[in-house]
Amino acid sequence: MPDETVSEADDTLTETDDIVQTANHETEIVETETETETEIVETETETESDTETESESESESDDDRLHRATIEFGLDTAQAEAFQLLVDAATGDDDRPLDTAAVAAALDDHAVAGAAWTRWSDDDLLGGALEPLVAGLEAETSPGVAWLRARHHAWFGRTDESIAALEAARASGHHLILCELAAIEADRGNPVAARDLLRDAGVNVEIDLDTEFDPLTADQGFGAELAEEIAPFAAIRPKAMAGRNDRCPCGSGKKYKQCHLGNELHSLDDRSGWLYVKLMRFTGVNSSNFPAVIGDDIVEGVVDDGLRSMVHESYLPIDLALFEGGVAQWFLDAKRSLLPADEAALTQSWIDATRSVYEVERSRVGTMDVIDLATRERMTVVDTVPDEPLETGWKIIGRLVPVGDTFRAFGGFLPINDDMVDAMLEAFATRKLETVALAIGQIFDTAATQDEIQGLFAESLDTGELQSLIDELEGDAGQATSD
């Protein structure tokens, strides 16, 4: 279950932190008897004053929460109040009966709903914790509530129920519904259909392909980020798979023009980077805070602010969340029926791969040959390599995943000293998140300066290989085959 996958990993990481201690303070209540009427009046006056002060403090606290919501999510005052209503409805902080009509109205504002989902995810309120709220809205039929039901179903891997909830609300044309349907089409490998849905949702789909998109740092919102994700694949049509009147290679028995003509998939080699971005999108929707928790654990003993920031801004924490943290398996279980068959198989092969220590055998621009020191296998890494070639004999750690006959390192590389090799291999062999994270943390504990690992770490991932795809297929742009 998703609850077990992410929550257990979070709990394990928390158990390793022995630094934070809680100090409990006991307050003694001393009762005294007043001897005069004057003293009684004074005591009552003081109590009333204290109550007024507490009320003012609570009011200020509410104001502060609303102010933070306006800054954090770009909401206006009314939206911030609706956002806080959704947060309180999920946490149970509001003792009043659930105002289902007000909650439904808040969810119909896509900016408010998106902000609330992010806060619920950050506060570990998705899944079972959200069940009472979803159940309480059973009688509501608004598009925002349909969207919430769909995401709630999807969190538990109930893909068919999620799609059914969205399809039932498709006619509303609501932004949230159409963006979610677009994400489903993207998962299916249909970027053009996804783009059309996003356009109908009011999302700008005119993307400048020369501008690099980094899904790790993107903060434009779900629909806009999805538009960036699919843009290269929607703009560049794959080559024809067969002649118009030939049998379709998919095995349907139909002629190509009656089957997959116009719905071709890009090569799996080109889609591998997109698949990793799909995994990242899934993590962002369903467990957005998990990579940050892992990053905190890695840099627990690091003093240098530059190193700490570099870890949190890198792909390493999310790569650990995906694989050692189990999110990739959660993704595959939930999306298997949607993904193209070759992407589902590729995801499984990535899950089966193990993080390891590698020795650089040959390094050049765009390609690097390494030896896996655990298996002695020779491997060729393409695209996801450091900008500057590495010296032969260097020892580096990473997680190489297969794509055809070559490998990718979406999570990047880190250099280590020779005397760390055995300890790293032993830690990686456990495939346990807490063990691997603590072992990697030792690299940063011993690093002399940020510059020592900056070159390898910061640029090792070619942000989803999207720009690489554009460069490789640019000659095919505009190619079209009419029915």
Protein backbone atom coordinates (compact mmCIF):
# COMPACT_ATOMS: atom_id res chain seq x y z
CA MET A 1 0.00 0.00 0.00
CA PRO A 2 1.19 3.59 -0.68
CA ASP A 3 0.76 4.48 3.01
CA GLU A 4 3.25 1.76 3.93
CA THR A 5 5.69 2.56 1.13
CA VAL A 6 6.24 6.22 1.95
CA SER A 7 5.26 6.47 5.59
CA GLU A 8 7.48 3.58 6.69
CA ALA A 9 10.44 5.10 4.88
CA ASP A 10 9.76 8.48 6.47
CA ASP A 11 9.47 6.83 9.89
CA THR A 12 12.75 4.97 9.41
CA LEU A 13 14.54 8.17 8.50
CA THR A 14 13.04 9.89 11.51
CA GLU A 15 14.21 7.09 13.80
CA THR A 16 17.81 7.68 12.74
CA ASP A 17 17.69 11.28 13.95
CA ASP A 18 18.84 11.29 17.57
CA ILE A 19 19.69 14.99 17.60
CA VAL A 20 16.27 16.49 18.13
CA GLN A 21 15.07 16.13 21.70
CA THR A 22 11.80 17.29 23.18
CA ALA A 23 11.76 19.07 26.49
CA ASN A 24 8.59 18.60 28.50
CA HIS A 25 7.72 21.27 30.96
CA GLU A 26 5.14 20.79 33.65
CA THR A 27 3.10 23.71 34.87
CA GLU A 28 2.01 23.69 38.48
CA ILE A 29 -1.39 25.13 39.20
CA VAL A 30 -1.55 26.68 42.62
CA GLU A 31 -4.96 27.48 43.96
CA THR A 32 -5.28 30.16 46.57
CA GLU A 33 -8.29 31.35 48.49
CA THR A 34 -8.99 35.02 48.35
CA GLU A 35 -9.67 36.74 51.64
CA THR A 36 -11.34 39.89 50.47
CA GLU A 37 -13.91 40.88 47.88
CA THR A 38 -11.37 43.27 46.34
CA GLU A 39 -8.95 40.44 45.65
CA ILE A 40 -11.71 38.42 43.98
CA VAL A 41 -12.61 41.32 41.69
CA GLU A 42 -8.93 41.86 40.80
CA THR A 43 -8.49 38.16 39.96
CA GLU A 44 -11.57 38.16 37.71
CA THR A 45 -10.31 41.28 35.96
CA GLU A 46 -6.91 39.69 35.34
CA THR A 47 -8.58 36.53 33.97
CA GLU A 48 -10.69 38.55 31.56
CA SER A 49 -7.57 40.40 30.43
CA ASP A 50 -5.71 37.13 29.87
CA THR A 51 -8.60 35.75 27.84
CA GLU A 52 -8.65 38.85 25.64
CA THR A 53 -4.87 38.54 25.10
CA GLU A 54 -5.18 34.86 24.12
CA SER A 55 -8.01 35.72 21.72
CA GLU A 56 -5.93 38.46 20.13
CA SER A 57 -3.01 36.02 19.82
CA GLU A 58 -5.19 33.41 18.11
CA SER A 59 -6.53 36.09 15.76
CA GLU A 60 -3.00 37.15 14.88
CA SER A 61 -2.08 33.53 14.27
CA ASP A 62 -5.00 33.12 11.83
CA ASP A 63 -3.98 36.32 10.07
CA ASP A 64 -0.43 35.06 9.81
CA ARG A 65 -1.59 31.79 8.26
CA LEU A 66 -3.65 33.63 5.67
CA HIS A 67 -0.75 35.95 4.92
CA ARG A 68 1.60 33.01 4.43
CA ALA A 69 -0.87 31.39 2.04
CA THR A 70 -1.04 34.53 -0.09
CA ILE A 71 2.75 34.64 -0.33
CA GLU A 72 3.44 30.92 -0.72
CA PHE A 73 0.77 30.20 -3.33
CA GLY A 74 0.03 33.62 -4.83
CA LEU A 75 -3.57 33.65 -3.57
CA ASP A 76 -5.70 36.70 -2.87
CA THR A 77 -7.33 37.17 0.54
CA ALA A 78 -10.58 35.39 -0.36
CA GLN A 79 -8.66 32.48 -1.89
CA ALA A 80 -6.42 32.26 1.16
CA GLU A 81 -9.50 31.94 3.38
CA ALA A 82 -10.88 29.19 1.11
CA PHE A 83 -7.48 27.47 1.20
CA GLN A 84 -7.44 27.56 4.99
CA LEU A 85 -10.95 26.11 5.02
CA LEU A 86 -9.69 23.12 3.01
CA VAL A 87 -6.64 22.67 5.22
CA ASP A 88 -8.75 22.74 8.39
CA ALA A 89 -11.31 20.37 6.84
CA ALA A 90 -8.57 17.79 6.20
CA THR A 91 -6.82 18.17 9.55
CA GLY A 92 -10.00 18.24 11.62
CA ASP A 93 -8.87 21.45 13.34
CA ASP A 94 -12.30 22.99 12.83
CA ASP A 95 -14.76 21.56 15.40
CA ARG A 96 -17.77 22.79 13.47
CA PRO A 97 -19.73 20.40 11.20
CA LEU A 98 -18.27 20.14 7.69
CA ASP A 99 -19.70 22.84 5.45
CA THR A 100 -19.78 20.69 2.32
CA ALA A 101 -21.09 23.46 0.08
CA ALA A 102 -18.28 25.82 1.13
CA VAL A 103 -15.66 23.09 0.71
CA ALA A 104 -17.00 22.23 -2.75
CA ALA A 105 -16.89 25.90 -3.74
CA ALA A 106 -13.30 26.16 -2.52
CA LEU A 107 -12.31 23.09 -4.53
CA ASP A 108 -13.85 24.58 -7.67
CA ASP A 109 -11.18 27.30 -7.61
CA HIS A 110 -8.27 25.46 -9.25
CA ALA A 111 -5.62 27.69 -7.64
CA VAL A 112 -7.06 27.04 -4.18
CA ALA A 113 -7.51 23.31 -4.78
CA GLY A 114 -3.98 22.92 -6.11
CA ALA A 115 -2.53 24.82 -3.15
CA ALA A 116 -4.54 22.72 -0.68
CA TRP A 117 -3.37 19.47 -2.28
CA THR A 118 0.24 20.63 -2.01
CA ARG A 119 -0.21 21.47 1.66
CA TRP A 120 -1.94 18.14 2.35
CA SER A 121 0.93 16.33 0.64
CA ASP A 122 3.57 18.29 2.54
CA ASP A 123 1.79 17.53 5.82
CA ASP A 124 1.31 13.80 5.06
CA LEU A 125 -2.46 14.18 4.92
CA LEU A 126 -3.05 12.26 1.68
CA GLY A 127 -4.37 8.72 1.54
CA GLY A 128 -6.11 7.44 4.64
CA ALA A 129 -5.88 10.79 6.43
CA LEU A 130 -7.96 12.40 3.66
CA GLU A 131 -10.63 9.68 3.67
CA PRO A 132 -13.01 11.41 6.14
CA LEU A 133 -13.06 14.57 4.04
CA VAL A 134 -13.66 12.70 0.77
CA ALA A 135 -16.38 10.61 2.38
CA GLY A 136 -18.02 13.72 3.82
CA LEU A 137 -18.34 15.17 0.30
CA GLU A 138 -20.13 12.12 -1.09
CA ALA A 139 -23.30 14.05 -1.91
CA GLU A 140 -21.44 16.87 -3.69
CA THR A 141 -21.20 16.77 -7.49
CA SER A 142 -19.12 19.83 -8.34
CA PRO A 143 -16.10 19.49 -10.69
CA GLY A 144 -13.70 20.32 -7.88
CA VAL A 145 -15.06 17.51 -5.74
CA ALA A 146 -14.86 15.13 -8.74
CA TRP A 147 -11.22 16.12 -9.14
CA LEU A 148 -10.55 15.44 -5.46
CA ARG A 149 -12.19 12.01 -5.71
CA ALA A 150 -10.12 11.21 -8.80
CA ARG A 151 -6.85 12.15 -7.14
CA HIS A 152 -7.81 10.29 -3.99
CA HIS A 153 -8.54 7.14 -6.03
CA ALA A 154 -5.27 7.60 -7.95
CA TRP A 155 -3.27 7.89 -4.72
CA PHE A 156 -4.43 4.41 -3.78
CA GLY A 157 -3.71 3.09 -7.29
CA ARG A 158 -7.39 2.81 -8.21
CA THR A 159 -6.75 4.04 -11.74
CA ASP A 160 -10.01 2.90 -13.32
CA GLU A 161 -12.08 4.61 -10.61
CA SER A 162 -10.00 7.76 -10.95
CA ILE A 163 -10.53 7.93 -14.70
CA ALA A 164 -14.24 7.24 -14.30
CA ALA A 165 -14.59 10.16 -11.88
CA LEU A 166 -12.82 12.47 -14.32
CA GLU A 167 -14.75 11.29 -17.38
CA ALA A 168 -18.03 11.85 -15.55
CA ALA A 169 -17.04 15.50 -15.10
CA ARG A 170 -15.35 16.03 -18.50
CA ALA A 171 -18.34 17.93 -19.90
CA SER A 172 -17.90 20.60 -17.23
CA GLY A 173 -14.79 21.80 -19.04
CA HIS A 174 -13.32 22.60 -15.65
CA HIS A 175 -9.61 23.42 -15.54
CA LEU A 176 -8.79 20.80 -12.91
CA ILE A 177 -10.64 18.00 -14.71
CA LEU A 178 -9.11 18.73 -18.11
CA CYS A 179 -5.57 19.05 -16.72
CA GLU A 180 -5.92 15.73 -14.92
CA LEU A 181 -7.22 14.05 -18.09
CA ALA A 182 -4.26 15.59 -19.94
CA ALA A 183 -1.90 13.99 -17.44
CA ILE A 184 -3.52 10.61 -18.11
CA GLU A 185 -3.01 11.07 -21.86
CA ALA A 186 0.63 12.01 -21.19
CA ASP A 187 1.08 8.83 -19.15
CA ARG A 188 -0.40 6.88 -22.06
CA GLY A 189 2.18 8.44 -24.38
CA ASN A 190 -0.30 10.67 -26.25
CA PRO A 191 1.29 14.14 -26.09
CA VAL A 192 -0.92 15.67 -28.79
CA ALA A 193 -4.12 14.63 -27.01
CA ALA A 194 -2.64 15.93 -23.75
CA ARG A 195 -1.76 19.25 -25.38
CA ASP A 196 -5.29 19.67 -26.78
CA LEU A 197 -6.82 19.06 -23.37
CA LEU A 198 -4.48 21.55 -21.75
CA ARG A 199 -5.38 24.14 -24.37
CA ASP A 200 -9.09 23.57 -23.65
CA ALA A 201 -8.28 24.07 -19.95
CA GLY A 202 -6.88 27.51 -20.68
CA VAL A 203 -3.22 26.54 -20.29
CA ASN A 204 -0.69 28.20 -22.56
CA VAL A 205 0.67 25.38 -24.73
CA GLU A 206 2.81 27.58 -26.99
CA ILE A 207 6.12 26.53 -25.47
CA ASP A 208 9.50 27.89 -26.54
CA LEU A 209 11.46 24.69 -27.15
CA ASP A 210 14.74 26.59 -26.98
CA THR A 211 14.09 27.38 -23.31
CA GLU A 212 15.28 24.59 -21.02
CA PHE A 213 12.66 23.03 -18.75
CA ASP A 214 13.86 21.63 -15.43
CA PRO A 215 11.06 19.68 -13.70
CA LEU A 216 12.97 19.77 -10.41
CA THR A 217 12.79 23.56 -10.05
CA ALA A 218 9.59 24.28 -12.01
CA ASP A 219 6.91 26.11 -10.03
CA GLN A 220 4.42 27.32 -12.64
CA GLY A 221 1.62 25.02 -11.50
CA PHE A 222 0.46 21.57 -12.56
CA GLY A 223 -1.04 22.43 -15.94
CA ALA A 224 1.75 24.74 -17.08
CA GLU A 225 4.44 22.27 -16.01
CA LEU A 226 2.66 19.44 -17.82
CA ALA A 227 2.58 21.61 -20.96
CA GLU A 228 6.36 22.05 -20.68
CA GLU A 229 6.83 18.30 -20.12
CA ILE A 230 4.98 17.21 -23.26
CA ALA A 231 5.96 20.09 -25.55
CA PRO A 232 8.90 18.45 -27.41
CA PHE A 233 6.94 15.26 -28.01
CA ALA A 234 3.80 17.07 -29.16
CA ALA A 235 5.79 19.33 -31.49
CA ILE A 236 7.92 16.67 -33.14
CA ARG A 237 6.05 13.87 -34.82
CA PRO A 238 7.70 10.44 -34.79
CA LYS A 239 8.67 8.77 -38.02
CA ALA A 240 6.09 6.51 -39.65
CA MET A 241 6.16 2.92 -38.40
CA ALA A 242 5.05 1.40 -41.71
CA GLY A 243 3.53 2.22 -45.09
CA ARG A 244 -0.03 3.50 -45.15
CA ASN A 245 -1.48 0.31 -46.54
CA ASP A 246 0.84 -2.09 -44.72
CA ARG A 247 -0.24 -4.13 -41.73
CA CYS A 248 0.21 -2.10 -38.55
CA PRO A 249 3.28 -3.26 -36.57
CA CYS A 250 1.21 -3.25 -33.37
CA GLY A 251 -0.28 -6.64 -34.35
CA SER A 252 -3.91 -5.51 -34.59
CA GLY A 253 -4.25 -6.93 -38.09
CA LYS A 254 -5.52 -3.57 -39.37
CA LYS A 255 -3.91 -1.46 -42.04
CA TYR A 256 -1.47 1.07 -40.66
CA LYS A 257 -3.60 4.01 -41.87
CA GLN A 258 -6.58 2.61 -39.96
CA CYS A 259 -4.64 1.99 -36.76
CA HIS A 260 -1.54 3.83 -35.53
CA LEU A 261 -1.02 6.30 -38.35
CA GLY A 262 -0.88 9.68 -36.60
CA ASN A 263 -0.55 8.08 -33.15
CA GLU A 264 3.00 6.83 -33.37
CA LEU A 265 5.25 6.68 -30.35
CA HIS A 266 8.71 8.19 -30.24
CA SER A 267 11.49 5.67 -29.85
CA LEU A 268 11.92 4.27 -26.35
CA ASP A 269 15.42 5.74 -26.29
CA ASP A 270 13.91 9.20 -26.76
CA ARG A 271 11.07 8.55 -24.30
CA SER A 272 13.30 7.32 -21.47
CA GLY A 273 13.94 10.84 -20.18
CA TRP A 274 10.22 11.59 -20.40
CA LEU A 275 9.49 8.45 -18.39
CA TYR A 276 11.76 9.71 -15.60
CA VAL A 277 9.90 13.05 -15.65
CA LYS A 278 6.61 11.13 -15.34
CA LEU A 279 8.04 9.46 -12.25
CA MET A 280 8.99 12.87 -10.88
CA ARG A 281 5.52 14.24 -11.59
CA PHE A 282 3.97 11.30 -9.76
CA THR A 283 6.21 11.98 -6.75
CA GLY A 284 5.36 15.67 -6.75
CA VAL A 285 1.62 14.97 -6.75
CA ASN A 286 1.55 12.12 -4.25
CA SER A 287 4.50 12.61 -1.89
CA SER A 288 5.99 16.03 -2.55
CA ASN A 289 7.89 16.29 0.74
CA PHE A 290 9.55 12.87 0.63
CA PRO A 291 12.68 13.94 -1.34
CA ALA A 292 13.22 16.87 1.04
CA VAL A 293 13.10 14.53 4.04
CA ILE A 294 15.73 12.33 2.39
CA GLY A 295 17.88 15.37 1.56
CA ASP A 296 17.75 16.47 5.19
CA ASP A 297 18.91 13.05 6.30
CA ILE A 298 21.84 13.06 3.85
CA VAL A 299 23.14 16.46 4.99
CA GLU A 300 22.43 15.99 8.69
CA GLY A 301 26.09 16.28 9.64
CA VAL A 302 27.12 18.76 6.92
CA VAL A 303 28.16 22.24 8.04
CA ASP A 304 28.88 23.87 4.68
CA ASP A 305 25.75 25.69 3.48
CA GLY A 306 26.81 25.32 -0.13
CA LEU A 307 26.94 21.54 0.13
CA ARG A 308 23.60 21.42 1.92
CA SER A 309 21.91 23.50 -0.75
CA MET A 310 23.53 21.51 -3.52
CA VAL A 311 22.07 18.26 -2.21
CA HIS A 312 18.55 19.66 -1.90
CA GLU A 313 18.72 21.24 -5.36
CA SER A 314 20.01 18.06 -7.02
CA TYR A 315 18.28 14.99 -8.42
CA LEU A 316 19.84 12.72 -5.79
CA PRO A 317 17.06 12.94 -3.15
CA ILE A 318 14.28 12.29 -5.65
CA ASP A 319 16.24 9.41 -7.19
CA LEU A 320 16.54 7.84 -3.73
CA ALA A 321 12.83 8.44 -3.10
CA LEU A 322 11.92 6.78 -6.38
CA PHE A 323 13.98 3.64 -6.03
CA GLU A 324 15.26 2.89 -2.53
CA GLY A 325 12.18 4.74 -1.21
CA GLY A 326 9.77 2.62 -3.26
CA VAL A 327 7.93 5.41 -5.10
CA ALA A 328 8.82 3.96 -8.53
CA GLN A 329 7.14 0.68 -7.59
CA TRP A 330 4.12 2.62 -6.34
CA PHE A 331 4.08 4.48 -9.68
CA LEU A 332 4.28 1.27 -11.69
CA ASP A 333 1.54 -0.42 -9.69
CA ALA A 334 -0.72 2.59 -10.19
CA LYS A 335 0.13 3.38 -13.82
CA ARG A 336 0.82 -0.01 -15.39
CA SER A 337 -2.51 -0.06 -17.23
CA LEU A 338 -1.86 3.43 -18.66
CA LEU A 339 1.79 3.27 -19.67
CA PRO A 340 2.88 2.00 -23.08
CA ALA A 341 3.96 -1.62 -22.59
CA ASP A 342 7.61 -0.86 -23.32
CA GLU A 343 7.65 1.95 -20.72
CA ALA A 344 6.14 -0.33 -18.09
CA ALA A 345 8.83 -2.92 -18.82
CA LEU A 346 11.52 -0.23 -18.74
CA THR A 347 10.28 1.04 -15.37
CA GLN A 348 10.52 -2.47 -13.95
CA SER A 349 14.09 -2.81 -15.21
CA TRP A 350 14.95 0.49 -13.50
CA ILE A 351 13.43 -0.75 -10.24
CA ASP A 352 15.51 -3.93 -10.49
CA ALA A 353 18.77 -2.00 -10.98
CA THR A 354 21.05 -1.38 -8.00
CA ARG A 355 22.99 1.71 -7.01
CA SER A 356 26.73 0.98 -7.19
CA VAL A 357 30.30 2.23 -7.32
CA TYR A 358 31.88 2.62 -10.75
CA GLU A 359 35.41 3.11 -12.00
CA VAL A 360 35.80 5.44 -14.95
CA GLU A 361 37.38 3.61 -17.87
CA ARG A 362 36.93 6.24 -20.53
CA SER A 363 35.17 9.60 -20.47
CA ARG A 364 34.33 11.97 -23.28
CA VAL A 365 31.70 14.58 -24.04
CA GLY A 366 28.24 12.98 -23.91
CA THR A 367 29.47 9.44 -23.21
CA MET A 368 31.33 7.60 -20.48
CA ASP A 369 32.49 3.99 -20.14
CA VAL A 370 32.61 2.64 -16.60
CA ILE A 371 33.14 -0.64 -14.75
CA ASP A 372 30.63 -1.65 -12.09
CA LEU A 373 32.86 -2.58 -9.14
CA ALA A 374 30.15 -4.85 -7.71
CA THR A 375 29.66 -6.98 -10.82
CA ARG A 376 32.74 -6.07 -12.95
CA GLU A 377 30.33 -5.35 -15.80
CA ARG A 378 31.42 -2.77 -18.38
CA MET A 379 28.72 -0.19 -19.06
CA THR A 380 28.34 2.78 -21.39
CA VAL A 381 26.54 5.83 -20.03
CA VAL A 382 25.11 8.36 -22.49
CA ASP A 383 23.59 11.84 -22.18
CA THR A 384 23.45 11.91 -18.38
CA VAL A 385 27.17 12.43 -17.84
CA PRO A 386 29.21 15.35 -16.43
CA ASP A 387 29.87 18.19 -18.85
CA GLU A 388 33.61 17.85 -18.37
CA PRO A 389 35.17 14.41 -19.04
CA LEU A 390 36.49 12.61 -15.94
CA GLU A 391 39.93 11.16 -15.40
CA THR A 392 40.40 7.45 -15.97
CA GLY A 393 40.43 5.54 -12.70
CA TRP A 394 38.10 7.87 -10.80
CA LYS A 395 35.65 6.13 -8.46
CA ILE A 396 32.10 7.44 -8.61
CA ILE A 397 28.76 6.37 -7.22
CA GLY A 398 25.46 6.47 -9.06
CA ARG A 399 22.48 4.46 -10.16
CA LEU A 400 22.71 3.37 -13.77
CA VAL A 401 19.44 2.30 -15.39
CA PRO A 402 19.26 0.50 -18.74
CA VAL A 403 17.86 2.07 -21.89
CA GLY A 404 18.43 -0.27 -24.83
CA ASP A 405 22.11 -1.19 -25.02
CA THR A 406 23.30 1.80 -22.99
CA PHE A 407 22.63 3.29 -19.57
CA ARG A 408 21.47 6.56 -18.01
CA ALA A 409 22.28 8.09 -14.63
CA PHE A 410 19.30 10.35 -14.01
CA GLY A 411 20.25 10.83 -10.35
CA GLY A 412 23.77 11.99 -11.22
CA PHE A 413 27.19 10.90 -9.98
CA LEU A 414 29.31 11.60 -6.92
CA PRO A 415 33.07 11.00 -6.57
CA ILE A 416 34.39 9.00 -3.62
CA ASN A 417 37.79 8.12 -2.21
CA ASP A 418 39.21 4.64 -2.82
CA ASP A 419 38.94 3.77 0.86
CA MET A 420 35.15 4.29 0.74
CA VAL A 421 34.44 1.77 -2.03
CA ASP A 422 33.79 -1.31 0.10
CA ALA A 423 31.56 0.51 2.59
CA MET A 424 29.50 2.03 -0.21
CA LEU A 425 29.05 -1.29 -2.01
CA GLU A 426 27.95 -2.92 1.23
CA ALA A 427 25.42 -0.15 1.92
CA PHE A 428 24.04 -0.15 -1.62
CA ALA A 429 23.61 -3.93 -1.58
CA THR A 430 21.05 -3.59 1.22
CA ARG A 431 18.76 -1.50 -1.03
CA LYS A 432 17.46 0.06 2.20
CA LEU A 433 16.75 3.77 2.04
CA GLU A 434 18.05 4.71 5.47
CA THR A 435 21.29 2.76 5.01
CA VAL A 436 21.98 4.17 1.55
CA ALA A 437 21.14 7.74 2.57
CA LEU A 438 23.42 7.63 5.60
CA ALA A 439 26.26 6.12 3.53
CA ILE A 440 25.96 8.86 0.92
CA GLY A 441 25.88 11.44 3.70
CA GLN A 442 29.42 10.36 4.62
CA ILE A 443 30.64 11.68 1.27
CA PHE A 444 29.46 15.16 2.16
CA ASP A 445 30.72 14.86 5.71
CA THR A 446 34.24 14.29 4.38
CA ALA A 447 34.15 16.67 1.41
CA ALA A 448 36.61 19.50 1.89
CA THR A 449 34.75 22.08 -0.18
CA GLN A 450 31.70 22.48 -2.36
CA ASP A 451 33.90 22.83 -5.44
CA GLU A 452 35.29 19.35 -4.85
CA ILE A 453 32.08 17.73 -6.11
CA GLN A 454 30.24 20.59 -7.84
CA GLY A 455 31.31 19.68 -11.37
CA LEU A 456 30.04 16.14 -11.14
CA PHE A 457 26.95 16.75 -9.11
CA ALA A 458 25.31 19.86 -10.44
CA GLU A 459 25.30 19.12 -14.16
CA SER A 460 25.18 15.34 -14.38
CA LEU A 461 21.51 15.16 -15.38
CA ASP A 462 20.42 16.56 -18.70
CA THR A 463 17.02 17.67 -17.30
CA GLY A 464 14.94 14.86 -18.67
CA GLU A 465 16.90 14.74 -21.92
CA LEU A 466 14.21 16.94 -23.42
CA GLN A 467 16.66 19.34 -25.04
CA SER A 468 18.65 16.38 -26.34
CA LEU A 469 15.51 15.00 -27.90
CA ILE A 470 14.82 18.31 -29.62
CA ASP A 471 18.33 18.42 -31.05
CA GLU A 472 18.17 14.84 -32.29
CA LEU A 473 14.76 15.03 -33.90
CA GLU A 474 14.68 18.63 -35.04
CA GLY A 475 15.09 17.55 -38.64
CA ASP A 476 11.83 15.66 -38.41
CA ALA A 477 9.80 18.62 -37.13
CA GLY A 478 6.85 19.37 -39.33
CA GLN A 479 6.93 15.99 -41.01
CA ALA A 480 3.35 14.80 -41.41
CA THR A 481 1.61 12.02 -43.20
CA SER A 482 -1.99 12.70 -44.23
CA ASP A 483 -4.66 10.02 -44.01
